[in-house]
Protein backbone atom coordinates (compact mmCIF):
# COMPACT_ATOMS: atom_id res chain seq x y z
CA UNK A 1 13.18 2.01 8.60
CA UNK A 2 11.52 4.12 11.28
CA UNK A 3 14.61 6.37 11.55
CA UNK A 4 14.81 6.87 7.76
CA UNK A 5 11.12 7.78 7.54
CA UNK A 6 11.45 10.29 10.38
CA UNK A 7 14.57 11.71 8.77
CA UNK A 8 13.08 12.21 5.29
CA UNK A 9 9.50 13.24 6.00
CA UNK A 10 7.71 16.01 7.87
CA UNK A 11 4.40 14.72 9.23
CA UNK A 12 1.67 14.74 8.10
CA UNK A 13 2.92 13.79 4.65
CA UNK A 14 1.78 11.89 1.55
CA UNK A 15 3.37 8.43 1.54
CA UNK A 16 3.54 6.03 -1.40
CA UNK A 17 2.90 2.33 -0.83
CA UNK A 18 3.67 -0.28 -3.48
CA UNK A 19 2.38 -3.84 -3.58
CA UNK A 20 2.29 -6.72 -6.04
CA UNK A 21 -0.63 -9.12 -5.74
CA UNK A 22 -1.86 -12.12 -7.69
CA UNK A 23 -4.59 -10.74 -9.94
CA UNK A 24 -7.70 -11.28 -7.83
CA UNK A 25 -10.51 -8.79 -7.39
CA UNK A 26 -11.17 -9.96 -3.83
CA UNK A 27 -7.58 -9.23 -2.75
CA UNK A 28 -7.75 -5.86 -4.47
CA UNK A 29 -10.99 -5.09 -2.65
CA UNK A 30 -9.33 -6.00 0.67
CA UNK A 31 -6.52 -3.54 -0.02
CA UNK A 32 -9.01 -0.83 -0.92
CA UNK A 33 -10.85 -1.49 2.36
CA UNK A 34 -7.63 -1.00 4.32
CA UNK A 35 -6.77 2.34 2.70
CA UNK A 36 -10.22 3.73 2.10
CA UNK A 37 -11.67 6.32 -0.23
CA UNK A 38 -9.26 9.16 0.46
CA UNK A 39 -6.25 7.30 -0.94
CA UNK A 40 -5.14 7.61 -4.57
CA UNK A 41 -4.81 4.23 -6.34
CA UNK A 42 -2.97 3.19 -9.49
CA UNK A 43 -3.11 -0.39 -10.72
CA UNK A 44 -1.24 -2.11 -13.52
CA UNK A 45 -1.52 -5.65 -14.80
CA UNK A 46 1.59 -7.70 -15.51
CA UNK A 47 2.32 -8.71 -19.11
CA UNK A 48 0.49 -12.05 -18.76
CA UNK A 49 -2.15 -10.67 -16.39
CA UNK A 50 -1.20 -12.97 -13.52
CA UNK A 51 -0.18 -10.16 -11.19
CA UNK A 52 -1.30 -6.64 -10.49
CA UNK A 53 1.00 -3.91 -9.20
CA UNK A 54 -0.75 -1.46 -6.90
CA UNK A 55 0.59 1.98 -6.05
CA UNK A 56 -1.24 3.85 -3.31
CA UNK A 57 -0.62 7.41 -2.18
CA UNK A 58 -2.19 8.48 1.08
CA UNK A 59 -1.77 11.32 3.56
CA UNK A 60 -0.24 9.76 6.64
CA UNK A 61 -0.06 11.36 10.08
CA UNK A 62 3.17 9.63 11.11
CA UNK A 63 5.39 6.60 10.96
CA UNK A 64 3.14 4.48 13.17
CA UNK A 65 0.23 4.86 10.74
CA UNK A 66 2.48 3.63 7.91
CA UNK A 67 3.47 0.53 9.88
CA UNK A 68 -0.21 -0.07 10.74
CA UNK A 69 -1.07 -0.12 7.02
CA UNK A 70 1.74 -2.56 6.21
CA UNK A 71 0.66 -4.86 9.08
CA UNK A 72 -2.94 -4.94 7.82
CA UNK A 73 -1.91 -5.60 4.20
CA UNK A 74 0.50 -8.37 5.29
CA UNK A 75 -2.56 -10.35 6.45
CA UNK A 76 -3.69 -10.71 2.83
CA UNK A 77 -2.27 -13.93 1.40
CA UNK A 78 0.08 -13.54 -1.58
CA UNK A 79 0.73 -9.78 -1.28
CA UNK A 80 4.32 -8.63 -1.80
CA UNK A 81 5.22 -5.26 -0.27
CA UNK A 82 7.84 -3.24 -2.14
């Protein structure tokens, strides 16, 4: 994955993250705390409202910063990274 990111992006660059989480405001708040105020968020509830898809666009300085974000989010129980 590192090679593909380096190949297709010039850094710094806006990167899009996608996650699916069980609908839970606390989990959503944890994700917002990881990415901060400068990121752009889009959220969408599933048909039955059990899950929320979260798309986040953020200016990233390089591949390592992307992996850092994924590592932090992976600590939140129930989050699926796409």
